[in-house]
Amino acid sequence: MVEAIAFYLFAFLTVAMFTITVMSKNALYAMSSLAAGMIFISAFFFLLDADFLGVVQIIVYSGAVMALYAFGMMFFDTTKDVQEKNPSKKVVFFLSGMVALLLVLIVLSPMISDKVKALYPVSDEVGNAEAVGIVLFTKYLVPFEVAAIMLLVAMIAGIILASKRMDESITLKIDEEIERSKGEQQ
């Protein structure tokens, strides 16, 4: 019963976050909801007792989304369009409390319930993280290393492109300031 409720709750939250990602016109909101959606996806792994994959989902995908977030902020000046509406502090406090209560219930539910069992029995000899590590670093070592090199190259290329664009924008701003100061002096 607890697993079914958790599944439907996280399914709704995941779909809602990705809907906000697709429908949002603001890059900051889209990236934030994309990161939240990735974190909610990790809940499915935790429900299936794949703890290692759940943690990897949070660290890798949410980290990748945050890197994308940073690059998006560098390439587009998205902060100029953000004007937050300040809702009632009571509403913010209530929603924050509900989220905190929900997280506490999610964490405590497997400890409280005796009926929560793994879908697939895990052998006592090898744990989940060890089994994934054995497969990853034996059978899939070469694709894993190739993917790591590709991500490194993409990160370096993104930094180079961002620094060139920032240099151009700084030069344009300096030229505009010089033109403006000349106009004021005359």
N, C-alpha and C. Protein backbone atom coordinates (compact mmCIF):
# COMPACT_ATOMS: atom_id res chain seq x y z
N MET A 1 0.82 -1.19 0.00
CA MET A 1 0.00 0.00 0.00
C MET A 1 0.87 1.26 0.00
N VAL A 2 1.89 1.26 0.84
CA VAL A 2 2.77 2.43 0.94
C VAL A 2 3.52 2.63 -0.37
N GLU A 3 3.97 1.51 -0.97
CA GLU A 3 4.70 1.61 -2.23
C GLU A 3 3.82 2.15 -3.35
N ALA A 4 2.56 1.75 -3.38
CA ALA A 4 1.65 2.22 -4.43
C ALA A 4 1.40 3.71 -4.28
N ILE A 5 1.18 4.16 -3.05
CA ILE A 5 0.96 5.60 -2.82
C ILE A 5 2.20 6.39 -3.21
N ALA A 6 3.37 5.90 -2.79
CA ALA A 6 4.62 6.59 -3.13
C ALA A 6 4.83 6.62 -4.63
N PHE A 7 4.54 5.50 -5.31
CA PHE A 7 4.71 5.46 -6.77
C PHE A 7 3.84 6.50 -7.45
N TYR A 8 2.56 6.55 -7.11
CA TYR A 8 1.67 7.50 -7.78
C TYR A 8 2.02 8.95 -7.42
N LEU A 9 2.45 9.17 -6.20
CA LEU A 9 2.85 10.52 -5.80
C LEU A 9 4.06 10.98 -6.61
N PHE A 10 5.08 10.13 -6.69
CA PHE A 10 6.28 10.51 -7.42
C PHE A 10 6.03 10.56 -8.92
N ALA A 11 5.13 9.73 -9.42
CA ALA A 11 4.78 9.80 -10.84
C ALA A 11 4.13 11.14 -11.16
N PHE A 12 3.20 11.56 -10.31
CA PHE A 12 2.54 12.86 -10.51
C PHE A 12 3.55 14.00 -10.43
N LEU A 13 4.42 13.98 -9.40
CA LEU A 13 5.40 15.05 -9.24
C LEU A 13 6.39 15.09 -10.40
N THR A 14 6.81 13.93 -10.88
CA THR A 14 7.75 13.88 -11.99
C THR A 14 7.12 14.46 -13.26
N VAL A 15 5.92 14.03 -13.57
CA VAL A 15 5.24 14.54 -14.76
C VAL A 15 4.98 16.05 -14.62
N ALA A 16 4.63 16.50 -13.44
CA ALA A 16 4.39 17.93 -13.22
C ALA A 16 5.66 18.74 -13.44
N MET A 17 6.79 18.25 -12.92
CA MET A 17 8.05 18.99 -13.08
C MET A 17 8.48 19.04 -14.55
N PHE A 18 8.32 17.93 -15.26
CA PHE A 18 8.72 17.94 -16.67
C PHE A 18 7.74 18.75 -17.51
N THR A 19 6.49 18.84 -17.11
CA THR A 19 5.55 19.71 -17.80
C THR A 19 5.94 21.17 -17.63
N ILE A 20 6.35 21.53 -16.42
CA ILE A 20 6.82 22.89 -16.18
C ILE A 20 8.07 23.16 -17.01
N THR A 21 8.95 22.16 -17.11
CA THR A 21 10.17 22.32 -17.91
C THR A 21 9.83 22.64 -19.36
N VAL A 22 8.89 21.93 -19.92
CA VAL A 22 8.55 22.12 -21.33
C VAL A 22 7.76 23.40 -21.55
N MET A 23 6.88 23.75 -20.64
CA MET A 23 5.98 24.88 -20.84
C MET A 23 6.56 26.22 -20.39
N SER A 24 7.61 26.22 -19.60
CA SER A 24 8.13 27.47 -19.06
C SER A 24 8.85 28.28 -20.12
N LYS A 25 8.64 29.58 -20.08
CA LYS A 25 9.32 30.48 -21.01
C LYS A 25 10.63 31.01 -20.42
N ASN A 26 10.81 30.83 -19.11
CA ASN A 26 12.00 31.31 -18.44
C ASN A 26 12.98 30.16 -18.26
N ALA A 27 14.24 30.38 -18.64
CA ALA A 27 15.25 29.31 -18.57
C ALA A 27 15.53 28.90 -17.13
N LEU A 28 15.49 29.85 -16.20
CA LEU A 28 15.75 29.52 -14.80
C LEU A 28 14.69 28.57 -14.25
N TYR A 29 13.43 28.84 -14.55
CA TYR A 29 12.36 27.97 -14.08
C TYR A 29 12.43 26.60 -14.74
N ALA A 30 12.75 26.59 -16.03
CA ALA A 30 12.83 25.32 -16.75
C ALA A 30 13.94 24.45 -16.19
N MET A 31 15.11 25.03 -15.94
CA MET A 31 16.23 24.25 -15.41
C MET A 31 15.96 23.78 -13.98
N SER A 32 15.33 24.62 -13.18
CA SER A 32 15.02 24.22 -11.80
C SER A 32 14.03 23.07 -11.78
N SER A 33 13.01 23.15 -12.61
CA SER A 33 12.04 22.06 -12.64
C SER A 33 12.62 20.80 -13.27
N LEU A 34 13.57 20.95 -14.19
CA LEU A 34 14.24 19.78 -14.76
C LEU A 34 15.06 19.07 -13.69
N ALA A 35 15.77 19.83 -12.87
CA ALA A 35 16.54 19.22 -11.78
C ALA A 35 15.61 18.53 -10.78
N ALA A 36 14.50 19.16 -10.45
CA ALA A 36 13.54 18.54 -9.52
C ALA A 36 12.96 17.26 -10.11
N GLY A 37 12.65 17.27 -11.41
CA GLY A 37 12.14 16.07 -12.06
C GLY A 37 13.14 14.93 -12.03
N MET A 38 14.41 15.24 -12.23
CA MET A 38 15.45 14.20 -12.15
C MET A 38 15.56 13.63 -10.74
N ILE A 39 15.41 14.47 -9.75
CA ILE A 39 15.47 13.99 -8.37
C ILE A 39 14.25 13.11 -8.07
N PHE A 40 13.08 13.49 -8.58
CA PHE A 40 11.90 12.67 -8.36
C PHE A 40 11.99 11.33 -9.08
N ILE A 41 12.70 11.29 -10.21
CA ILE A 41 12.91 10.01 -10.89
C ILE A 41 13.72 9.07 -10.00
N SER A 42 14.66 9.62 -9.25
CA SER A 42 15.48 8.77 -8.37
C SER A 42 14.62 8.07 -7.31
N ALA A 43 13.48 8.63 -6.98
CA ALA A 43 12.61 8.00 -5.99
C ALA A 43 12.12 6.64 -6.48
N PHE A 44 11.94 6.49 -7.79
CA PHE A 44 11.52 5.19 -8.32
C PHE A 44 12.59 4.13 -8.07
N PHE A 45 13.85 4.52 -8.20
CA PHE A 45 14.93 3.57 -7.93
C PHE A 45 14.94 3.18 -6.45
N PHE A 46 14.70 4.15 -5.58
CA PHE A 46 14.66 3.83 -4.16
C PHE A 46 13.48 2.92 -3.82
N LEU A 47 12.36 3.12 -4.50
CA LEU A 47 11.21 2.25 -4.28
C LEU A 47 11.49 0.81 -4.72
N LEU A 48 12.34 0.65 -5.71
CA LEU A 48 12.69 -0.68 -6.21
C LEU A 48 13.91 -1.27 -5.48
N ASP A 49 14.34 -0.63 -4.41
CA ASP A 49 15.50 -1.04 -3.62
C ASP A 49 16.79 -1.03 -4.44
N ALA A 50 16.87 -0.18 -5.42
CA ALA A 50 18.10 0.01 -6.17
C ALA A 50 18.73 1.30 -5.66
N ASP A 51 19.22 1.25 -4.42
CA ASP A 51 19.72 2.45 -3.75
C ASP A 51 20.88 3.09 -4.50
N PHE A 52 21.77 2.26 -5.00
CA PHE A 52 22.93 2.79 -5.71
C PHE A 52 22.50 3.59 -6.94
N LEU A 53 21.60 3.03 -7.72
CA LEU A 53 21.13 3.74 -8.91
C LEU A 53 20.37 5.01 -8.55
N GLY A 54 19.65 5.00 -7.43
CA GLY A 54 18.96 6.21 -6.99
C GLY A 54 19.92 7.32 -6.64
N VAL A 55 20.98 6.97 -5.94
CA VAL A 55 21.99 7.97 -5.58
C VAL A 55 22.73 8.46 -6.82
N VAL A 56 23.05 7.55 -7.73
CA VAL A 56 23.71 7.94 -8.98
C VAL A 56 22.80 8.86 -9.78
N GLN A 57 21.52 8.57 -9.81
CA GLN A 57 20.56 9.43 -10.51
C GLN A 57 20.60 10.85 -9.94
N ILE A 58 20.62 10.96 -8.62
CA ILE A 58 20.65 12.28 -8.00
C ILE A 58 21.96 12.99 -8.30
N ILE A 59 23.06 12.29 -8.11
CA ILE A 59 24.36 12.95 -8.25
C ILE A 59 24.68 13.27 -9.70
N VAL A 60 24.54 12.27 -10.57
CA VAL A 60 24.97 12.45 -11.96
C VAL A 60 23.99 13.32 -12.74
N TYR A 61 22.72 12.92 -12.77
CA TYR A 61 21.79 13.66 -13.61
C TYR A 61 21.46 15.03 -13.05
N SER A 62 21.25 15.12 -11.75
CA SER A 62 20.98 16.44 -11.19
C SER A 62 22.21 17.31 -11.27
N GLY A 63 23.39 16.71 -11.12
CA GLY A 63 24.63 17.47 -11.30
C GLY A 63 24.79 17.94 -12.73
N ALA A 64 24.42 17.07 -13.68
CA ALA A 64 24.50 17.47 -15.08
C ALA A 64 23.51 18.58 -15.39
N VAL A 65 22.33 18.50 -14.79
CA VAL A 65 21.34 19.56 -15.00
C VAL A 65 21.84 20.87 -14.40
N MET A 66 22.51 20.78 -13.26
CA MET A 66 23.04 22.00 -12.66
C MET A 66 24.17 22.60 -13.51
N ALA A 67 24.98 21.73 -14.15
CA ALA A 67 25.99 22.24 -15.07
C ALA A 67 25.32 22.91 -16.27
N LEU A 68 24.26 22.29 -16.78
CA LEU A 68 23.49 22.88 -17.87
C LEU A 68 22.89 24.21 -17.43
N TYR A 69 22.44 24.25 -16.20
CA TYR A 69 21.88 25.46 -15.60
C TYR A 69 22.91 26.58 -15.61
N ALA A 70 24.14 26.25 -15.19
CA ALA A 70 25.21 27.25 -15.14
C ALA A 70 25.55 27.74 -16.55
N PHE A 71 25.65 26.82 -17.51
CA PHE A 71 25.95 27.23 -18.87
C PHE A 71 24.82 28.07 -19.45
N GLY A 72 23.59 27.71 -19.15
CA GLY A 72 22.46 28.51 -19.61
C GLY A 72 22.49 29.92 -19.06
N MET A 73 22.88 30.04 -17.82
CA MET A 73 22.97 31.38 -17.23
C MET A 73 24.12 32.17 -17.82
N MET A 74 25.20 31.45 -18.22
CA MET A 74 26.33 32.17 -18.83
C MET A 74 25.99 32.63 -20.24
N PHE A 75 25.34 31.78 -21.02
CA PHE A 75 25.06 32.12 -22.41
C PHE A 75 23.94 33.14 -22.56
N PHE A 76 22.93 33.02 -21.75
CA PHE A 76 21.78 33.92 -21.84
C PHE A 76 21.71 34.69 -20.53
N ASP A 77 21.49 35.97 -20.64
CA ASP A 77 21.35 36.77 -19.42
C ASP A 77 19.92 36.62 -18.93
N THR A 78 19.65 35.49 -18.27
CA THR A 78 18.28 35.17 -17.89
C THR A 78 17.84 35.85 -16.61
N THR A 79 18.76 36.37 -15.85
CA THR A 79 18.38 36.95 -14.56
C THR A 79 17.68 38.30 -14.73
N LYS A 80 17.83 38.95 -15.88
CA LYS A 80 17.20 40.27 -16.05
C LYS A 80 15.69 40.17 -16.17
N ASP A 81 15.17 39.03 -16.64
CA ASP A 81 13.73 38.87 -16.83
C ASP A 81 13.00 38.36 -15.60
N VAL A 82 13.74 37.95 -14.58
CA VAL A 82 13.12 37.34 -13.40
C VAL A 82 12.64 38.43 -12.45
N GLN A 83 11.35 38.47 -12.26
CA GLN A 83 10.76 39.36 -11.27
C GLN A 83 9.80 38.51 -10.46
N GLU A 84 10.22 38.16 -9.29
CA GLU A 84 9.43 37.27 -8.45
C GLU A 84 8.24 38.00 -7.86
N LYS A 85 7.11 37.34 -7.87
CA LYS A 85 5.95 37.83 -7.14
C LYS A 85 6.08 37.31 -5.73
N ASN A 86 5.95 38.15 -4.77
CA ASN A 86 6.08 37.72 -3.38
C ASN A 86 4.71 37.28 -2.86
N PRO A 87 4.50 35.96 -2.83
CA PRO A 87 3.22 35.49 -2.30
C PRO A 87 3.20 35.65 -0.78
N SER A 88 2.12 35.29 -0.23
CA SER A 88 1.97 35.38 1.22
C SER A 88 3.00 34.49 1.91
N LYS A 89 3.57 34.99 2.99
CA LYS A 89 4.55 34.20 3.74
C LYS A 89 3.89 32.98 4.37
N LYS A 90 2.60 33.07 4.64
CA LYS A 90 1.89 31.92 5.21
C LYS A 90 1.82 30.78 4.21
N VAL A 91 1.60 31.10 2.94
CA VAL A 91 1.53 30.08 1.90
C VAL A 91 2.89 29.41 1.73
N VAL A 92 3.95 30.20 1.69
CA VAL A 92 5.30 29.65 1.56
C VAL A 92 5.62 28.77 2.76
N PHE A 93 5.29 29.21 3.95
CA PHE A 93 5.56 28.43 5.16
C PHE A 93 4.77 27.12 5.15
N PHE A 94 3.49 27.19 4.75
CA PHE A 94 2.66 25.99 4.70
C PHE A 94 3.19 24.98 3.68
N LEU A 95 3.52 25.44 2.47
CA LEU A 95 4.03 24.54 1.44
C LEU A 95 5.38 23.95 1.84
N SER A 96 6.23 24.74 2.44
CA SER A 96 7.54 24.23 2.90
C SER A 96 7.35 23.18 3.98
N GLY A 97 6.43 23.43 4.89
CA GLY A 97 6.14 22.45 5.94
C GLY A 97 5.59 21.15 5.38
N MET A 98 4.71 21.26 4.38
CA MET A 98 4.14 20.06 3.77
C MET A 98 5.22 19.24 3.05
N VAL A 99 6.12 19.93 2.35
CA VAL A 99 7.20 19.23 1.67
C VAL A 99 8.12 18.55 2.68
N ALA A 100 8.44 19.24 3.76
CA ALA A 100 9.29 18.65 4.80
C ALA A 100 8.61 17.44 5.44
N LEU A 101 7.33 17.55 5.74
CA LEU A 101 6.60 16.43 6.31
C LEU A 101 6.55 15.24 5.35
N LEU A 102 6.32 15.52 4.07
CA LEU A 102 6.30 14.47 3.06
C LEU A 102 7.65 13.76 2.97
N LEU A 103 8.73 14.51 2.98
CA LEU A 103 10.05 13.90 2.93
C LEU A 103 10.34 13.04 4.16
N VAL A 104 9.93 13.50 5.33
CA VAL A 104 10.13 12.71 6.55
C VAL A 104 9.32 11.42 6.47
N LEU A 105 8.09 11.50 6.00
CA LEU A 105 7.26 10.30 5.86
C LEU A 105 7.85 9.31 4.85
N ILE A 106 8.39 9.83 3.77
CA ILE A 106 8.98 8.96 2.75
C ILE A 106 10.20 8.24 3.31
N VAL A 107 11.01 8.96 4.06
CA VAL A 107 12.22 8.34 4.62
C VAL A 107 11.86 7.35 5.72
N LEU A 108 10.87 7.66 6.53
CA LEU A 108 10.53 6.79 7.66
C LEU A 108 9.62 5.62 7.30
N SER A 109 8.91 5.68 6.18
CA SER A 109 7.94 4.62 5.87
C SER A 109 8.56 3.23 5.74
N PRO A 110 9.72 3.04 5.11
CA PRO A 110 10.28 1.69 5.09
C PRO A 110 10.71 1.20 6.48
N MET A 111 11.08 2.11 7.35
CA MET A 111 11.50 1.71 8.69
C MET A 111 10.31 1.32 9.56
N ILE A 112 9.19 1.99 9.34
CA ILE A 112 8.00 1.74 10.15
C ILE A 112 7.27 0.48 9.68
N SER A 113 7.13 0.31 8.37
CA SER A 113 6.34 -0.78 7.82
C SER A 113 7.14 -2.08 7.76
N ASP A 114 6.51 -3.16 8.16
CA ASP A 114 7.12 -4.48 8.06
C ASP A 114 6.82 -5.13 6.72
N LYS A 115 5.88 -4.56 5.96
CA LYS A 115 5.45 -5.17 4.71
C LYS A 115 6.27 -4.73 3.50
N VAL A 116 7.16 -3.77 3.68
CA VAL A 116 7.96 -3.29 2.56
C VAL A 116 9.07 -4.29 2.32
N LYS A 117 9.03 -4.93 1.16
CA LYS A 117 10.02 -5.95 0.79
C LYS A 117 10.60 -5.59 -0.58
N ALA A 118 11.77 -6.13 -0.86
CA ALA A 118 12.37 -5.94 -2.18
C ALA A 118 11.60 -6.76 -3.21
N LEU A 119 11.47 -6.23 -4.42
CA LEU A 119 10.80 -6.97 -5.47
C LEU A 119 11.63 -8.16 -5.93
N TYR A 120 12.93 -7.95 -6.01
CA TYR A 120 13.83 -9.02 -6.41
C TYR A 120 14.79 -9.29 -5.26
N PRO A 121 14.89 -10.52 -4.82
CA PRO A 121 15.77 -10.79 -3.68
C PRO A 121 17.23 -10.56 -4.07
N VAL A 122 17.93 -9.87 -3.21
CA VAL A 122 19.35 -9.58 -3.42
C VAL A 122 20.14 -10.60 -2.62
N SER A 123 21.14 -11.18 -3.24
CA SER A 123 21.92 -12.19 -2.54
C SER A 123 22.72 -11.53 -1.43
N ASP A 124 22.99 -12.28 -0.40
CA ASP A 124 23.72 -11.75 0.74
C ASP A 124 25.21 -11.59 0.44
N GLU A 125 25.69 -12.30 -0.59
CA GLU A 125 27.11 -12.26 -0.90
C GLU A 125 27.53 -10.93 -1.51
N VAL A 126 26.73 -10.41 -2.44
CA VAL A 126 27.08 -9.19 -3.16
C VAL A 126 25.95 -8.19 -3.00
N GLY A 127 26.29 -6.97 -2.60
CA GLY A 127 25.30 -5.91 -2.45
C GLY A 127 24.98 -5.26 -3.79
N ASN A 128 24.04 -4.38 -3.76
CA ASN A 128 23.58 -3.69 -4.96
C ASN A 128 24.69 -2.88 -5.60
N ALA A 129 25.36 -2.06 -4.80
CA ALA A 129 26.43 -1.21 -5.33
C ALA A 129 27.59 -2.05 -5.85
N GLU A 130 27.91 -3.13 -5.16
CA GLU A 130 29.00 -3.99 -5.60
C GLU A 130 28.67 -4.68 -6.92
N ALA A 131 27.43 -5.14 -7.07
CA ALA A 131 27.03 -5.80 -8.32
C ALA A 131 27.10 -4.84 -9.49
N VAL A 132 26.63 -3.61 -9.29
CA VAL A 132 26.70 -2.61 -10.36
C VAL A 132 28.16 -2.30 -10.68
N GLY A 133 28.99 -2.17 -9.66
CA GLY A 133 30.41 -1.90 -9.88
C GLY A 133 31.11 -3.00 -10.63
N ILE A 134 30.81 -4.24 -10.30
CA ILE A 134 31.44 -5.37 -10.98
C ILE A 134 31.09 -5.37 -12.46
N VAL A 135 29.80 -5.17 -12.78
CA VAL A 135 29.39 -5.16 -14.19
C VAL A 135 29.96 -3.94 -14.91
N LEU A 136 29.92 -2.78 -14.25
CA LEU A 136 30.36 -1.54 -14.88
C LEU A 136 31.85 -1.56 -15.19
N PHE A 137 32.64 -2.07 -14.29
CA PHE A 137 34.09 -2.02 -14.47
C PHE A 137 34.69 -3.30 -15.06
N THR A 138 33.86 -4.22 -15.50
CA THR A 138 34.36 -5.38 -16.23
C THR A 138 33.79 -5.39 -17.65
N LYS A 139 32.50 -5.61 -17.76
CA LYS A 139 31.87 -5.74 -19.06
C LYS A 139 31.77 -4.40 -19.80
N TYR A 140 31.48 -3.32 -19.08
CA TYR A 140 31.24 -2.03 -19.71
C TYR A 140 32.32 -1.01 -19.41
N LEU A 141 33.56 -1.42 -19.22
CA LEU A 141 34.63 -0.49 -18.86
C LEU A 141 34.95 0.47 -20.01
N VAL A 142 35.08 -0.05 -21.22
CA VAL A 142 35.46 0.81 -22.35
C VAL A 142 34.37 1.85 -22.66
N PRO A 143 33.09 1.48 -22.76
CA PRO A 143 32.08 2.54 -22.98
C PRO A 143 32.02 3.55 -21.84
N PHE A 144 32.25 3.10 -20.63
CA PHE A 144 32.26 4.00 -19.47
C PHE A 144 33.38 5.03 -19.60
N GLU A 145 34.56 4.59 -19.99
CA GLU A 145 35.69 5.50 -20.15
C GLU A 145 35.49 6.43 -21.33
N VAL A 146 34.94 5.93 -22.43
CA VAL A 146 34.68 6.77 -23.60
C VAL A 146 33.66 7.86 -23.24
N ALA A 147 32.64 7.50 -22.51
CA ALA A 147 31.65 8.49 -22.09
C ALA A 147 32.28 9.55 -21.19
N ALA A 148 33.18 9.14 -20.31
CA ALA A 148 33.85 10.10 -19.43
C ALA A 148 34.70 11.07 -20.24
N ILE A 149 35.41 10.57 -21.26
CA ILE A 149 36.24 11.44 -22.09
C ILE A 149 35.36 12.40 -22.90
N MET A 150 34.23 11.91 -23.42
CA MET A 150 33.34 12.78 -24.18
C MET A 150 32.76 13.89 -23.29
N LEU A 151 32.41 13.56 -22.07
CA LEU A 151 31.89 14.59 -21.15
C LEU A 151 32.97 15.61 -20.81
N LEU A 152 34.19 15.17 -20.65
CA LEU A 152 35.30 16.09 -20.37
C LEU A 152 35.53 17.04 -21.54
N VAL A 153 35.52 16.51 -22.75
CA VAL A 153 35.70 17.35 -23.94
C VAL A 153 34.55 18.35 -24.07
N ALA A 154 33.32 17.90 -23.82
CA ALA A 154 32.17 18.81 -23.91
C ALA A 154 32.26 19.91 -22.86
N MET A 155 32.71 19.57 -21.67
CA MET A 155 32.84 20.58 -20.62
C MET A 155 33.91 21.61 -20.98
N ILE A 156 35.05 21.17 -21.49
CA ILE A 156 36.11 22.10 -21.88
C ILE A 156 35.64 22.99 -23.02
N ALA A 157 34.96 22.40 -24.02
CA ALA A 157 34.44 23.20 -25.14
C ALA A 157 33.42 24.23 -24.66
N GLY A 158 32.56 23.84 -23.73
CA GLY A 158 31.58 24.79 -23.19
C GLY A 158 32.24 25.95 -22.46
N ILE A 159 33.28 25.65 -21.71
CA ILE A 159 33.99 26.72 -20.99
C ILE A 159 34.67 27.66 -21.98
N ILE A 160 35.28 27.11 -23.03
CA ILE A 160 35.95 27.95 -24.02
C ILE A 160 34.94 28.83 -24.74
N LEU A 161 33.82 28.24 -25.16
CA LEU A 161 32.78 29.03 -25.84
C LEU A 161 32.22 30.11 -24.93
N ALA A 162 32.00 29.78 -23.68
CA ALA A 162 31.45 30.77 -22.74
C ALA A 162 32.44 31.89 -22.51
N SER A 163 33.73 31.58 -22.40
CA SER A 163 34.71 32.64 -22.15
C SER A 163 34.84 33.55 -23.36
N LYS A 164 34.76 33.00 -24.59
CA LYS A 164 34.81 33.85 -25.78
C LYS A 164 33.61 34.77 -25.84
N ARG A 165 32.45 34.25 -25.53
CA ARG A 165 31.23 35.06 -25.58
C ARG A 165 31.27 36.14 -24.49
N MET A 166 31.80 35.80 -23.33
CA MET A 166 31.89 36.79 -22.26
C MET A 166 32.87 37.90 -22.63
N ASP A 167 33.98 37.53 -23.30
CA ASP A 167 34.94 38.55 -23.74
C ASP A 167 34.28 39.50 -24.73
N GLU A 168 33.49 38.96 -25.68
CA GLU A 168 32.80 39.81 -26.65
C GLU A 168 31.80 40.73 -25.98
N SER A 169 31.06 40.22 -25.01
CA SER A 169 30.06 41.05 -24.35
C SER A 169 30.72 42.13 -23.49
N ILE A 170 31.85 41.81 -22.87
CA ILE A 170 32.57 42.82 -22.08
C ILE A 170 33.10 43.91 -23.00
N THR A 171 33.65 43.53 -24.15
CA THR A 171 34.16 44.51 -25.11
C THR A 171 33.04 45.41 -25.61
N LEU A 172 31.87 44.83 -25.91
CA LEU A 172 30.73 45.64 -26.36
C LEU A 172 30.26 46.60 -25.29
N LYS A 173 30.24 46.16 -24.04
CA LYS A 173 29.81 47.03 -22.96
C LYS A 173 30.79 48.17 -22.75
N ILE A 174 32.08 47.89 -22.86
CA ILE A 174 33.10 48.94 -22.71
C ILE A 174 32.96 49.96 -23.84
N ASP A 175 32.74 49.47 -25.07
CA ASP A 175 32.56 50.39 -26.20
C ASP A 175 31.32 51.25 -26.01
N GLU A 176 30.24 50.67 -25.51
CA GLU A 176 29.02 51.45 -25.27
C GLU A 176 29.24 52.50 -24.19
N GLU A 177 30.00 52.16 -23.16
CA GLU A 177 30.29 53.12 -22.09
C GLU A 177 31.14 54.27 -22.63
N ILE A 178 32.10 53.96 -23.49
CA ILE A 178 32.95 55.01 -24.06
C ILE A 178 32.11 55.95 -24.92
N GLU A 179 31.23 55.37 -25.76
CA GLU A 179 30.36 56.19 -26.61
C GLU A 179 29.43 57.06 -25.77
N ARG A 180 28.90 56.48 -24.70
CA ARG A 180 27.99 57.23 -23.84
C ARG A 180 28.71 58.36 -23.13
N SER A 181 29.92 58.11 -22.66
CA SER A 181 30.66 59.17 -21.96
C SER A 181 31.09 60.27 -22.92
N LYS A 182 31.40 59.91 -24.18
CA LYS A 182 31.72 60.94 -25.17
C LYS A 182 30.50 61.80 -25.45
N GLY A 183 29.34 61.18 -25.55
CA GLY A 183 28.11 61.91 -25.81
C GLY A 183 27.76 62.86 -24.67
N GLU A 184 28.05 62.46 -23.43
CA GLU A 184 27.75 63.29 -22.26
C GLU A 184 28.72 64.48 -22.18
N GLN A 185 29.97 64.27 -22.61
CA GLN A 185 30.96 65.34 -22.54
C GLN A 185 30.70 66.43 -23.58
N GLN A 186 30.09 66.05 -24.69
CA GLN A 186 29.85 67.03 -25.76
C GLN A 186 28.61 67.75 -25.54
